[in-house]
Amino acid sequence: MGLQHVWRSASILAAIVALAGCSAPATISSLPAANSSTVLEAKAVPPQSAFKIFKAKVVRILPEDTQGLTHQNFVVEAISPNAGKEYEVNNSTTHGSKVPNLKVGAVLEIRGTVYEDQKRDKSGIHWTHMANKPGDAGYIKTADGKIYE
């Protein structure tokens, strides 16, 4: 294989990767787990109709993503809607605010978009932060009324 062929193949691959990020995410099952939130984070702001509001209780605190786009990760159990269903929350601390002193048992109101990760058989909530200005995307509200976006 000649050097020119290698450069051409690399250029085509780079173009495919760049264009792949232009489609709307339906699921992240085809994405590697470590890069899923990074790819979703790079998307344009979802339409307002894509955002859902949940009341939920924190059931598990997960390790934070500390490389690339950073995230505070935790699992909640929905109180309403979908009572009893668990969601992994990926709260961007690159684009939004970390919820300080988050503890198991805390009850939160979460506004974000839901995704399904079929490879890991889990549901998640993303876009829990503002996009360009306060109120234009998601948030997390604590029981004392403080809003983190």
C-alpha atoms as a PDB file:
ATOM      1  CA  MET A   1       0.000   0.000   0.000  1.00  0.00           C
ATOM      2  CA  GLY A   2       1.524   3.311  -1.044  1.00  0.00           C
ATOM      3  CA  LEU A   3       1.832   6.398   1.151  1.00  0.00           C
ATOM      4  CA  GLN A   4      -0.639   8.280  -1.053  1.00  0.00           C
ATOM      5  CA  HIS A   5      -3.238   5.524  -0.527  1.00  0.00           C
ATOM      6  CA  VAL A   6      -2.708   5.657   3.259  1.00  0.00           C
ATOM      7  CA  TRP A   7      -3.206   9.453   3.334  1.00  0.00           C
ATOM      8  CA  ARG A   8      -6.313   9.157   1.151  1.00  0.00           C
ATOM      9  CA  SER A   9      -7.768   6.455   3.422  1.00  0.00           C
ATOM     10  CA  ALA A  10      -7.002   8.526   6.523  1.00  0.00           C
ATOM     11  CA  SER A  11      -8.661  11.590   4.965  1.00  0.00           C
ATOM     12  CA  ILE A  12     -11.788   9.618   4.075  1.00  0.00           C
ATOM     13  CA  LEU A  13     -11.958   8.133   7.581  1.00  0.00           C
ATOM     14  CA  ALA A  14     -11.608  11.599   9.146  1.00  0.00           C
ATOM     15  CA  ALA A  15     -14.443  12.911   6.955  1.00  0.00           C
ATOM     16  CA  ILE A  16     -16.694   9.986   7.914  1.00  0.00           C
ATOM     17  CA  VAL A  17     -16.020  10.526  11.618  1.00  0.00           C
ATOM     18  CA  ALA A  18     -16.717  14.261  11.305  1.00  0.00           C
ATOM     19  CA  LEU A  19     -19.966  13.708   9.399  1.00  0.00           C
ATOM     20  CA  ALA A  20     -21.142  10.968  11.761  1.00  0.00           C
ATOM     21  CA  GLY A  21     -21.540  13.592  14.483  1.00  0.00           C
ATOM     22  CA  CYS A  22     -24.076  15.497  12.374  1.00  0.00           C
ATOM     23  CA  SER A  23     -26.934  13.031  12.760  1.00  0.00           C
ATOM     24  CA  ALA A  24     -29.433  13.224  15.613  1.00  0.00           C
ATOM     25  CA  PRO A  25     -28.799  10.674  18.353  1.00  0.00           C
ATOM     26  CA  ALA A  26     -31.582   8.104  18.773  1.00  0.00           C
ATOM     27  CA  THR A  27     -29.545   5.725  20.906  1.00  0.00           C
ATOM     28  CA  ILE A  28     -25.934   5.503  21.888  1.00  0.00           C
ATOM     29  CA  SER A  29     -25.760   1.740  21.532  1.00  0.00           C
ATOM     30  CA  SER A  30     -23.328   1.995  18.643  1.00  0.00           C
ATOM     31  CA  LEU A  31     -20.933   4.279  20.516  1.00  0.00           C
ATOM     32  CA  PRO A  32     -18.090   3.135  22.748  1.00  0.00           C
ATOM     33  CA  ALA A  33     -19.075   3.586  26.394  1.00  0.00           C
ATOM     34  CA  ALA A  34     -16.124   5.831  27.274  1.00  0.00           C
ATOM     35  CA  ASN A  35     -16.908   8.303  24.493  1.00  0.00           C
ATOM     36  CA  SER A  36     -20.708   8.294  24.542  1.00  0.00           C
ATOM     37  CA  SER A  37     -21.218  11.427  26.594  1.00  0.00           C
ATOM     38  CA  THR A  38     -18.512  13.278  24.685  1.00  0.00           C
ATOM     39  CA  VAL A  39     -20.209  12.569  21.359  1.00  0.00           C
ATOM     40  CA  LEU A  40     -23.652  13.511  22.676  1.00  0.00           C
ATOM     41  CA  GLU A  41     -22.269  16.689  24.251  1.00  0.00           C
ATOM     42  CA  ALA A  42     -21.051  17.908  20.861  1.00  0.00           C
ATOM     43  CA  LYS A  43     -24.561  17.863  19.343  1.00  0.00           C
ATOM     44  CA  ALA A  44     -26.699  20.928  18.773  1.00  0.00           C
ATOM     45  CA  VAL A  45     -29.250  21.688  21.493  1.00  0.00           C
ATOM     46  CA  PRO A  46     -32.121  19.201  21.243  1.00  0.00           C
ATOM     47  CA  PRO A  47     -35.603  20.613  20.567  1.00  0.00           C
ATOM     48  CA  GLN A  48     -37.545  21.643  23.682  1.00  0.00           C
ATOM     49  CA  SER A  49     -39.951  18.742  23.093  1.00  0.00           C
ATOM     50  CA  ALA A  50     -37.058  16.311  23.717  1.00  0.00           C
ATOM     51  CA  PHE A  51     -36.608  17.515  27.302  1.00  0.00           C
ATOM     52  CA  LYS A  52     -38.411  15.672  30.097  1.00  0.00           C
ATOM     53  CA  ILE A  53     -38.785  16.605  33.761  1.00  0.00           C
ATOM     54  CA  PHE A  54     -38.323  13.909  36.391  1.00  0.00           C
ATOM     55  CA  LYS A  55     -38.658  13.840  40.141  1.00  0.00           C
ATOM     56  CA  ALA A  56     -36.168  11.233  41.328  1.00  0.00           C
ATOM     57  CA  LYS A  57     -34.184   9.954  44.292  1.00  0.00           C
ATOM     58  CA  VAL A  58     -30.405   9.441  44.119  1.00  0.00           C
ATOM     59  CA  VAL A  59     -29.630   5.749  44.667  1.00  0.00           C
ATOM     60  CA  ARG A  60     -25.942   5.564  43.718  1.00  0.00           C
ATOM     61  CA  ILE A  61     -23.045   7.967  43.184  1.00  0.00           C
ATOM     62  CA  LEU A  62     -20.766   6.958  40.283  1.00  0.00           C
ATOM     63  CA  PRO A  63     -17.200   8.047  39.485  1.00  0.00           C
ATOM     64  CA  GLU A  64     -16.928  11.378  37.694  1.00  0.00           C
ATOM     65  CA  ASP A  65     -15.641  11.697  34.137  1.00  0.00           C
ATOM     66  CA  THR A  66     -12.472  13.744  34.579  1.00  0.00           C
ATOM     67  CA  GLN A  67     -10.966  13.591  31.094  1.00  0.00           C
ATOM     68  CA  GLY A  68     -12.261  15.410  28.046  1.00  0.00           C
ATOM     69  CA  LEU A  69     -15.727  16.795  28.721  1.00  0.00           C
ATOM     70  CA  THR A  70     -16.236  16.301  32.449  1.00  0.00           C
ATOM     71  CA  HIS A  71     -19.394  14.885  34.028  1.00  0.00           C
ATOM     72  CA  GLN A  72     -20.849  14.250  37.454  1.00  0.00           C
ATOM     73  CA  ASN A  73     -22.436  10.793  37.213  1.00  0.00           C
ATOM     74  CA  PHE A  74     -25.029   9.222  39.473  1.00  0.00           C
ATOM     75  CA  VAL A  75     -28.015   6.873  39.329  1.00  0.00           C
ATOM     76  CA  VAL A  76     -31.527   7.938  40.273  1.00  0.00           C
ATOM     77  CA  GLU A  77     -34.762   6.058  40.760  1.00  0.00           C
ATOM     78  CA  ALA A  78     -37.692   7.897  39.231  1.00  0.00           C
ATOM     79  CA  ILE A  79     -40.500   8.978  41.538  1.00  0.00           C
ATOM     80  CA  SER A  80     -42.499  10.450  38.653  1.00  0.00           C
ATOM     81  CA  PRO A  81     -42.967   9.767  35.819  1.00  0.00           C
ATOM     82  CA  ASN A  82     -41.980   6.090  35.391  1.00  0.00           C
ATOM     83  CA  ALA A  83     -41.859   5.398  39.145  1.00  0.00           C
ATOM     84  CA  GLY A  84     -39.216   2.837  40.050  1.00  0.00           C
ATOM     85  CA  LYS A  85     -37.244   3.062  36.781  1.00  0.00           C
ATOM     86  CA  GLU A  86     -33.536   3.754  37.194  1.00  0.00           C
ATOM     87  CA  TYR A  87     -31.643   6.288  35.096  1.00  0.00           C
ATOM     88  CA  GLU A  88     -27.944   7.099  34.992  1.00  0.00           C
ATOM     89  CA  VAL A  89     -27.578  10.881  35.090  1.00  0.00           C
ATOM     90  CA  ASN A  90     -24.626  12.354  33.177  1.00  0.00           C
ATOM     91  CA  ASN A  91     -24.454  15.949  34.420  1.00  0.00           C
ATOM     92  CA  SER A  92     -21.914  17.932  32.370  1.00  0.00           C
ATOM     93  CA  THR A  93     -19.588  19.914  34.601  1.00  0.00           C
ATOM     94  CA  THR A  94     -17.784  21.233  31.531  1.00  0.00           C
ATOM     95  CA  HIS A  95     -20.896  23.091  30.344  1.00  0.00           C
ATOM     96  CA  GLY A  96     -22.874  23.283  33.562  1.00  0.00           C
ATOM     97  CA  SER A  97     -22.709  23.205  37.322  1.00  0.00           C
ATOM     98  CA  LYS A  98     -21.866  20.293  39.565  1.00  0.00           C
ATOM     99  CA  VAL A  99     -24.438  19.575  42.258  1.00  0.00           C
ATOM    100  CA  PRO A 100     -22.333  19.992  45.418  1.00  0.00           C
ATOM    101  CA  ASN A 101     -22.517  17.508  48.304  1.00  0.00           C
ATOM    102  CA  LEU A 102     -24.792  15.154  46.366  1.00  0.00           C
ATOM    103  CA  LYS A 103     -25.782  12.205  48.567  1.00  0.00           C
ATOM    104  CA  VAL A 104     -27.691   8.949  48.206  1.00  0.00           C
ATOM    105  CA  GLY A 105     -31.300   9.611  49.207  1.00  0.00           C
ATOM    106  CA  ALA A 106     -31.398  13.186  47.887  1.00  0.00           C
ATOM    107  CA  VAL A 107     -34.603  13.984  45.996  1.00  0.00           C
ATOM    108  CA  LEU A 108     -34.079  16.011  42.826  1.00  0.00           C
ATOM    109  CA  GLU A 109     -36.065  17.528  39.999  1.00  0.00           C
ATOM    110  CA  ILE A 110     -34.152  16.825  36.793  1.00  0.00           C
ATOM    111  CA  ARG A 111     -34.804  18.305  33.368  1.00  0.00           C
ATOM    112  CA  GLY A 112     -32.883  16.646  30.564  1.00  0.00           C
ATOM    113  CA  THR A 113     -33.104  14.312  27.607  1.00  0.00           C
ATOM    114  CA  VAL A 114     -33.448  10.549  27.976  1.00  0.00           C
ATOM    115  CA  TYR A 115     -31.231   8.130  26.102  1.00  0.00           C
ATOM    116  CA  GLU A 116     -31.152   4.340  25.906  1.00  0.00           C
ATOM    117  CA  ASP A 117     -27.818   2.491  25.914  1.00  0.00           C
ATOM    118  CA  GLN A 118     -28.791  -0.930  24.598  1.00  0.00           C
ATOM    119  CA  LYS A 119     -25.279  -2.383  24.848  1.00  0.00           C
ATOM    120  CA  ARG A 120     -25.195  -1.750  28.593  1.00  0.00           C
ATOM    121  CA  ASP A 121     -28.981  -2.238  29.062  1.00  0.00           C
ATOM    122  CA  LYS A 122     -29.472   1.090  30.796  1.00  0.00           C
ATOM    123  CA  SER A 123     -31.360   4.333  30.439  1.00  0.00           C
ATOM    124  CA  GLY A 124     -29.820   7.690  31.095  1.00  0.00           C
ATOM    125  CA  ILE A 125     -30.547  11.382  31.381  1.00  0.00           C
ATOM    126  CA  HIS A 126     -28.288  13.880  29.640  1.00  0.00           C
ATOM    127  CA  TRP A 127     -28.384  17.605  28.806  1.00  0.00           C
ATOM    128  CA  THR A 128     -28.964  18.556  32.449  1.00  0.00           C
ATOM    129  CA  HIS A 129     -27.231  21.889  31.860  1.00  0.00           C
ATOM    130  CA  MET A 130     -27.940  25.095  30.008  1.00  0.00           C
ATOM    131  CA  ALA A 131     -26.744  25.369  26.422  1.00  0.00           C
ATOM    132  CA  ASN A 132     -26.319  29.033  25.557  1.00  0.00           C
ATOM    133  CA  LYS A 133     -28.245  30.860  28.272  1.00  0.00           C
ATOM    134  CA  PRO A 134     -30.053  29.945  31.500  1.00  0.00           C
ATOM    135  CA  GLY A 135     -33.336  28.124  30.961  1.00  0.00           C
ATOM    136  CA  ASP A 136     -32.713  27.027  27.368  1.00  0.00           C
ATOM    137  CA  ALA A 137     -31.981  23.370  28.083  1.00  0.00           C
ATOM    138  CA  GLY A 138     -31.777  21.257  31.238  1.00  0.00           C
ATOM    139  CA  TYR A 139     -31.194  21.662  34.967  1.00  0.00           C
ATOM    140  CA  ILE A 140     -31.063  19.841  38.279  1.00  0.00           C
ATOM    141  CA  LYS A 141     -33.057  21.307  41.174  1.00  0.00           C
ATOM    142  CA  THR A 142     -32.341  20.199  44.744  1.00  0.00           C
ATOM    143  CA  ALA A 143     -34.955  19.828  47.514  1.00  0.00           C
ATOM    144  CA  ASP A 144     -33.995  23.263  48.892  1.00  0.00           C
ATOM    145  CA  GLY A 145     -34.873  24.868  45.537  1.00  0.00           C
ATOM    146  CA  LYS A 146     -31.321  25.518  44.275  1.00  0.00           C
ATOM    147  CA  ILE A 147     -30.997  25.098  40.520  1.00  0.00           C
ATOM    148  CA  TYR A 148     -27.817  23.853  38.870  1.00  0.00           C
ATOM    149  CA  GLU A 149     -27.542  24.331  35.125  1.00  0.00           C
END
